[in-house]
Every structure is written in C-alpha cells, then in structure tokens.
Amino acid sequence: MNIIADLRQKQRLYAQDGLPPSMLKTFFSDGTSANLIYRGMRCCARRRLTPVAYVFQIVNKLINQCVIGIHAEFGPGLVLVHPVGVVINSRVRGGTGVVIESSVVIGDEKGMSPRLGDDVFIGTGAKIIGGVVIGSGARIGANAVVVKDIPARATAVGIPARVVRQR
C-alpha cells in the first residue's frame, strides 16, 4: 500500500539525521497529513469519484496550504517533508521515492508537464516547469528553476538550473 511505503520512506529520510524515529513519530510529523490526503484523493480519482477527489484537494489546500492536481501520479515512497506552498500540476508523473520540500512548484507550460524519475529530491523553493525529464537519483537544489532535462544522478542548482555534479 502506498501510504505505508510513503511512511517508511519518510522514516528512512529522517533516520539519515540520527536514530530512526518510530512509525508513530513519523506518522505525526509535518507533511504526513498532506501525503494521506493526496493518496485519498488519488484513490477517489482512480475510481472516477471526481467530486470526492476535489473535496480532498480542497481539504489539502485548507489544512496544508498544498495544491496537488487530482491526476498527478507518484509512485510509492512520496514524501512531502513540509507541504506548505507546494503546487503540483495534474499532469505531473513521478516515480518512487520522490522527496519534496516546502514551496516547490512542479508545473505545466504549454500543455507539457514534468516527469520525475525514482529517488528524486527537490529542495525548498525549487521550480520545475514544462515538459522536462528529471532523471532517477537527481537532486534539485533549493530555489533552482529547472527548464531543461536533468540527467540521472545529477545535482542541479541555480536560475536557470545547471548541473554542478554528476554522481
């Protein structure tokens, strides 16, 4: 189930800072409600319960100040570390293990939306716009503005974002 995978990924992320937190502590940490509401919204959208999905979207906006399009698709292990200010277009596709910090915008340009690989990290305030592809294992720095593809295992920073390191 995606919710359990999301919580386990968040637990692994927090464990990088020291001892791994309990599942209960992880559950009550910032951002978990946004993840749960997003997963509920997607469940309703997949079952063609669009009006209910929109209610979930509105609740997420009111509680977490987070707007995620009802058709935005992420694999298991999505982590919204701090959901305030996050805006994700409905056409965005993301792989497994995507970690999103606060105030991130992943948006459409001229009908084209980003595609994110697996294990992508997006830093605070980053903007990813248009039909770009972010490769698996990529790291997008804080406040970067991504308008071109980022290769797998690369770190991109700046405005416009440029690759500064390739792992």
C-alpha atoms as a PDB file:
ATOM      1  CA  MET A   1       0.000   0.000   0.000  1.00  0.00           C
ATOM      2  CA  ASN A   2       1.362   3.435  -0.981  1.00  0.00           C
ATOM      3  CA  ILE A   3       0.653   5.088   2.385  1.00  0.00           C
ATOM      4  CA  ILE A   4       2.843   2.572   4.238  1.00  0.00           C
ATOM      5  CA  ALA A   5       5.579   2.953   1.599  1.00  0.00           C
ATOM      6  CA  ASP A   6       5.352   6.750   1.975  1.00  0.00           C
ATOM      7  CA  LEU A   7       5.762   6.499   5.754  1.00  0.00           C
ATOM      8  CA  ARG A   8       8.664   4.050   5.503  1.00  0.00           C
ATOM      9  CA  GLN A   9      10.444   6.325   3.021  1.00  0.00           C
ATOM     10  CA  LYS A  10       9.912   9.269   5.369  1.00  0.00           C
ATOM     11  CA  GLN A  11      11.268   7.196   8.258  1.00  0.00           C
ATOM     12  CA  ARG A  12      14.409   6.380   6.201  1.00  0.00           C
ATOM     13  CA  LEU A  13      14.817  10.060   5.330  1.00  0.00           C
ATOM     14  CA  TYR A  14      14.616  11.108   8.987  1.00  0.00           C
ATOM     15  CA  ALA A  15      16.991   8.289  10.009  1.00  0.00           C
ATOM     16  CA  GLN A  16      19.746   9.992   7.993  1.00  0.00           C
ATOM     17  CA  ASP A  17      19.847  12.628  10.753  1.00  0.00           C
ATOM     18  CA  GLY A  18      20.436  10.093  13.541  1.00  0.00           C
ATOM     19  CA  LEU A  19      18.394   7.349  15.139  1.00  0.00           C
ATOM     20  CA  PRO A  20      15.394   6.220  13.098  1.00  0.00           C
ATOM     21  CA  PRO A  21      12.125   7.595  14.503  1.00  0.00           C
ATOM     22  CA  SER A  22       9.298   5.261  15.405  1.00  0.00           C
ATOM     23  CA  MET A  23       6.485   4.805  12.905  1.00  0.00           C
ATOM     24  CA  LEU A  24       4.183   6.666  15.308  1.00  0.00           C
ATOM     25  CA  LYS A  25       6.514   9.682  15.446  1.00  0.00           C
ATOM     26  CA  THR A  26       6.864   9.588  11.660  1.00  0.00           C
ATOM     27  CA  PHE A  27       3.079   9.454  11.291  1.00  0.00           C
ATOM     28  CA  PHE A  28       2.644  12.597  13.390  1.00  0.00           C
ATOM     29  CA  SER A  29       5.469  14.542  11.741  1.00  0.00           C
ATOM     30  CA  ASP A  30       4.930  17.519   9.444  1.00  0.00           C
ATOM     31  CA  GLY A  31       3.693  16.645   5.970  1.00  0.00           C
ATOM     32  CA  THR A  32       2.113  13.280   6.709  1.00  0.00           C
ATOM     33  CA  SER A  33      -1.423  14.675   6.559  1.00  0.00           C
ATOM     34  CA  ALA A  34      -0.687  16.110   3.092  1.00  0.00           C
ATOM     35  CA  ASN A  35       0.546  12.679   1.934  1.00  0.00           C
ATOM     36  CA  LEU A  36      -2.517  10.920   3.345  1.00  0.00           C
ATOM     37  CA  ILE A  37      -4.918  13.407   1.775  1.00  0.00           C
ATOM     38  CA  TYR A  38      -3.096  13.158  -1.570  1.00  0.00           C
ATOM     39  CA  ARG A  39      -3.322   9.339  -1.505  1.00  0.00           C
ATOM     40  CA  GLY A  40      -7.037   9.533  -0.625  1.00  0.00           C
ATOM     41  CA  MET A  41      -7.586  11.997  -3.464  1.00  0.00           C
ATOM     42  CA  ARG A  42      -5.801   9.706  -5.959  1.00  0.00           C
ATOM     43  CA  CYS A  43      -7.800   6.694  -4.764  1.00  0.00           C
ATOM     44  CA  CYS A  44     -11.047   8.582  -5.438  1.00  0.00           C
ATOM     45  CA  ALA A  45      -9.819   9.886  -8.809  1.00  0.00           C
ATOM     46  CA  ARG A  46      -8.862   6.366  -9.964  1.00  0.00           C
ATOM     47  CA  ARG A  47     -12.355   5.163  -9.062  1.00  0.00           C
ATOM     48  CA  ARG A  48     -13.887   8.061 -11.022  1.00  0.00           C
ATOM     49  CA  LEU A  49     -15.186   9.702  -7.846  1.00  0.00           C
ATOM     50  CA  THR A  50     -14.021  13.077  -9.134  1.00  0.00           C
ATOM     51  CA  PRO A  51     -16.242  15.267  -6.896  1.00  0.00           C
ATOM     52  CA  VAL A  52     -14.904  13.483  -3.800  1.00  0.00           C
ATOM     53  CA  ALA A  53     -11.350  13.811  -5.138  1.00  0.00           C
ATOM     54  CA  TYR A  54     -11.869  17.579  -5.445  1.00  0.00           C
ATOM     55  CA  VAL A  55     -13.055  17.682  -1.830  1.00  0.00           C
ATOM     56  CA  PHE A  56      -9.775  16.009  -0.801  1.00  0.00           C
ATOM     57  CA  GLN A  57      -7.869  18.567  -2.880  1.00  0.00           C
ATOM     58  CA  ILE A  58      -9.681  21.469  -1.175  1.00  0.00           C
ATOM     59  CA  VAL A  59      -9.060  19.963   2.260  1.00  0.00           C
ATOM     60  CA  ASN A  60      -5.337  19.643   1.454  1.00  0.00           C
ATOM     61  CA  LYS A  61      -5.281  23.284   0.367  1.00  0.00           C
ATOM     62  CA  LEU A  62      -7.031  24.424   3.561  1.00  0.00           C
ATOM     63  CA  ILE A  63      -5.128  22.274   6.062  1.00  0.00           C
ATOM     64  CA  ASN A  64      -1.667  22.121   4.494  1.00  0.00           C
ATOM     65  CA  GLN A  65      -1.597  25.062   2.035  1.00  0.00           C
ATOM     66  CA  CYS A  66      -0.654  22.434  -0.552  1.00  0.00           C
ATOM     67  CA  VAL A  67      -2.227  22.091  -4.003  1.00  0.00           C
ATOM     68  CA  ILE A  68      -1.726  18.827  -5.881  1.00  0.00           C
ATOM     69  CA  GLY A  69      -3.711  18.175  -9.055  1.00  0.00           C
ATOM     70  CA  ILE A  70      -6.093  15.242  -8.805  1.00  0.00           C
ATOM     71  CA  HIS A  71      -4.422  13.413 -11.692  1.00  0.00           C
ATOM     72  CA  ALA A  72      -0.815  13.958 -10.555  1.00  0.00           C
ATOM     73  CA  GLU A  73       0.670  10.487 -10.209  1.00  0.00           C
ATOM     74  CA  PHE A  74       3.514   9.480  -7.876  1.00  0.00           C
ATOM     75  CA  GLY A  75       4.765   6.017  -7.060  1.00  0.00           C
ATOM     76  CA  PRO A  76       5.166   4.645  -3.552  1.00  0.00           C
ATOM     77  CA  GLY A  77       7.519   6.444  -1.200  1.00  0.00           C
ATOM     78  CA  LEU A  78       6.384  10.015  -1.865  1.00  0.00           C
ATOM     79  CA  VAL A  79       7.475  12.329   0.965  1.00  0.00           C
ATOM     80  CA  LEU A  80       6.154  15.866   1.351  1.00  0.00           C
ATOM     81  CA  VAL A  81       8.583  16.995   4.048  1.00  0.00           C
ATOM     82  CA  HIS A  82       6.955  20.403   4.624  1.00  0.00           C
ATOM     83  CA  PRO A  83       3.917  20.758   2.347  1.00  0.00           C
ATOM     84  CA  VAL A  84       3.274  24.496   2.757  1.00  0.00           C
ATOM     85  CA  GLY A  85       3.393  26.229  -0.606  1.00  0.00           C
ATOM     86  CA  VAL A  86       3.745  23.055  -2.683  1.00  0.00           C
ATOM     87  CA  VAL A  87       1.927  23.286  -6.034  1.00  0.00           C
ATOM     88  CA  ILE A  88       1.928  20.284  -8.379  1.00  0.00           C
ATOM     89  CA  ASN A  89       0.162  20.241 -11.742  1.00  0.00           C
ATOM     90  CA  SER A  90      -2.335  17.492 -12.508  1.00  0.00           C
ATOM     91  CA  ARG A  91      -0.272  16.114 -15.401  1.00  0.00           C
ATOM     92  CA  VAL A  92       2.933  15.546 -13.417  1.00  0.00           C
ATOM     93  CA  ARG A  93       4.260  11.983 -13.247  1.00  0.00           C
ATOM     94  CA  GLY A  94       6.727  10.928 -10.572  1.00  0.00           C
ATOM     95  CA  GLY A  95       8.466   7.667  -9.771  1.00  0.00           C
ATOM     96  CA  THR A  96       9.058   6.010  -6.419  1.00  0.00           C
ATOM     97  CA  GLY A  97      10.863   7.644  -3.513  1.00  0.00           C
ATOM     98  CA  VAL A  98      10.302  11.275  -4.566  1.00  0.00           C
ATOM     99  CA  VAL A  99      11.058  13.746  -1.744  1.00  0.00           C
ATOM    100  CA  ILE A 100       9.603  17.254  -1.982  1.00  0.00           C
ATOM    101  CA  GLU A 101      10.489  20.127   0.375  1.00  0.00           C
ATOM    102  CA  SER A 102       8.352  23.248   1.007  1.00  0.00           C
ATOM    103  CA  SER A 103       7.301  25.870  -1.564  1.00  0.00           C
ATOM    104  CA  VAL A 104       8.100  23.641  -4.548  1.00  0.00           C
ATOM    105  CA  VAL A 105       6.251  24.236  -7.816  1.00  0.00           C
ATOM    106  CA  ILE A 106       6.100  21.446 -10.403  1.00  0.00           C
ATOM    107  CA  GLY A 107       4.128  22.989 -13.216  1.00  0.00           C
ATOM    108  CA  ASP A 108       2.819  22.861 -16.721  1.00  0.00           C
ATOM    109  CA  GLU A 109       3.960  25.009 -19.628  1.00  0.00           C
ATOM    110  CA  LYS A 110       2.109  24.958 -22.946  1.00  0.00           C
ATOM    111  CA  GLY A 111       0.408  21.670 -22.078  1.00  0.00           C
ATOM    112  CA  MET A 112       3.650  19.909 -21.114  1.00  0.00           C
ATOM    113  CA  SER A 113       4.364  18.769 -17.551  1.00  0.00           C
ATOM    114  CA  PRO A 114       7.483  17.375 -15.861  1.00  0.00           C
ATOM    115  CA  ARG A 115       8.252  13.692 -15.424  1.00  0.00           C
ATOM    116  CA  LEU A 116      10.314  12.716 -12.399  1.00  0.00           C
ATOM    117  CA  GLY A 117      12.324   9.517 -12.086  1.00  0.00           C
ATOM    118  CA  ASP A 118      12.798   7.410  -8.961  1.00  0.00           C
ATOM    119  CA  ASP A 119      14.565   8.710  -5.825  1.00  0.00           C
ATOM    120  CA  VAL A 120      14.437  12.371  -6.854  1.00  0.00           C
ATOM    121  CA  PHE A 121      14.998  15.064  -4.203  1.00  0.00           C
ATOM    122  CA  ILE A 122      13.554  18.552  -4.774  1.00  0.00           C
ATOM    123  CA  GLY A 123      14.839  21.277  -2.446  1.00  0.00           C
ATOM    124  CA  THR A 124      12.896  24.119  -0.857  1.00  0.00           C
ATOM    125  CA  GLY A 125      11.513  26.681  -3.280  1.00  0.00           C
ATOM    126  CA  ALA A 126      12.569  24.847  -6.443  1.00  0.00           C
ATOM    127  CA  LYS A 127      10.517  25.302  -9.606  1.00  0.00           C
ATOM    128  CA  ILE A 128      10.306  22.614 -12.292  1.00  0.00           C
ATOM    129  CA  ILE A 129       8.418  23.891 -15.311  1.00  0.00           C
ATOM    130  CA  GLY A 130       7.352  22.386 -18.635  1.00  0.00           C
ATOM    131  CA  GLY A 131       7.909  19.036 -20.293  1.00  0.00           C
ATOM    132  CA  VAL A 132      11.273  18.365 -18.658  1.00  0.00           C
ATOM    133  CA  VAL A 133      12.519  14.988 -17.510  1.00  0.00           C
ATOM    134  CA  ILE A 134      14.296  14.689 -14.172  1.00  0.00           C
ATOM    135  CA  GLY A 135      16.398  11.511 -14.159  1.00  0.00           C
ATOM    136  CA  SER A 136      16.364   8.954 -11.358  1.00  0.00           C
ATOM    137  CA  GLY A 137      18.518   9.854  -8.376  1.00  0.00           C
ATOM    138  CA  ALA A 138      18.689  13.544  -9.357  1.00  0.00           C
ATOM    139  CA  ARG A 139      18.918  16.277  -6.732  1.00  0.00           C
ATOM    140  CA  ILE A 140      17.384  19.688  -7.395  1.00  0.00           C
ATOM    141  CA  GLY A 141      18.812  22.410  -5.146  1.00  0.00           C
ATOM    142  CA  ALA A 142      16.859  24.976  -3.158  1.00  0.00           C
ATOM    143  CA  ASN A 143      15.326  27.728  -5.294  1.00  0.00           C
ATOM    144  CA  ALA A 144      16.569  26.179  -8.555  1.00  0.00           C
ATOM    145  CA  VAL A 145      14.481  26.842 -11.653  1.00  0.00           C
ATOM    146  CA  VAL A 146      14.517  23.790 -13.902  1.00  0.00           C
ATOM    147  CA  VAL A 147      13.509  24.383 -17.531  1.00  0.00           C
ATOM    148  CA  LYS A 148      15.724  21.733 -19.199  1.00  0.00           C
ATOM    149  CA  ASP A 149      16.149  17.988 -18.635  1.00  0.00           C
ATOM    150  CA  ILE A 150      18.338  16.906 -15.714  1.00  0.00           C
ATOM    151  CA  PRO A 151      20.211  13.615 -16.173  1.00  0.00           C
ATOM    152  CA  ALA A 152      20.072  10.726 -13.709  1.00  0.00           C
ATOM    153  CA  ARG A 153      22.162  11.084 -10.525  1.00  0.00           C
ATOM    154  CA  ALA A 154      22.934  14.750 -11.238  1.00  0.00           C
ATOM    155  CA  THR A 155      22.731  17.698  -8.861  1.00  0.00           C
ATOM    156  CA  ALA A 156      21.278  20.870 -10.383  1.00  0.00           C
ATOM    157  CA  VAL A 157      21.261  24.357  -8.864  1.00  0.00           C
ATOM    158  CA  GLY A 158      20.682  27.947  -9.943  1.00  0.00           C
ATOM    159  CA  ILE A 159      18.441  30.058 -12.120  1.00  0.00           C
ATOM    160  CA  PRO A 160      18.183  28.568 -14.668  1.00  0.00           C
ATOM    161  CA  ALA A 161      19.280  25.274 -13.138  1.00  0.00           C
ATOM    162  CA  ARG A 162      22.553  23.805 -14.324  1.00  0.00           C
ATOM    163  CA  VAL A 163      24.210  20.531 -13.433  1.00  0.00           C
ATOM    164  CA  VAL A 164      27.034  21.074 -10.945  1.00  0.00           C
ATOM    165  CA  ARG A 165      27.734  17.474 -10.075  1.00  0.00           C
ATOM    166  CA  GLN A 166      27.157  14.091 -11.694  1.00  0.00           C
ATOM    167  CA  ARG A 167      27.318  11.021  -9.434  1.00  0.00           C
END
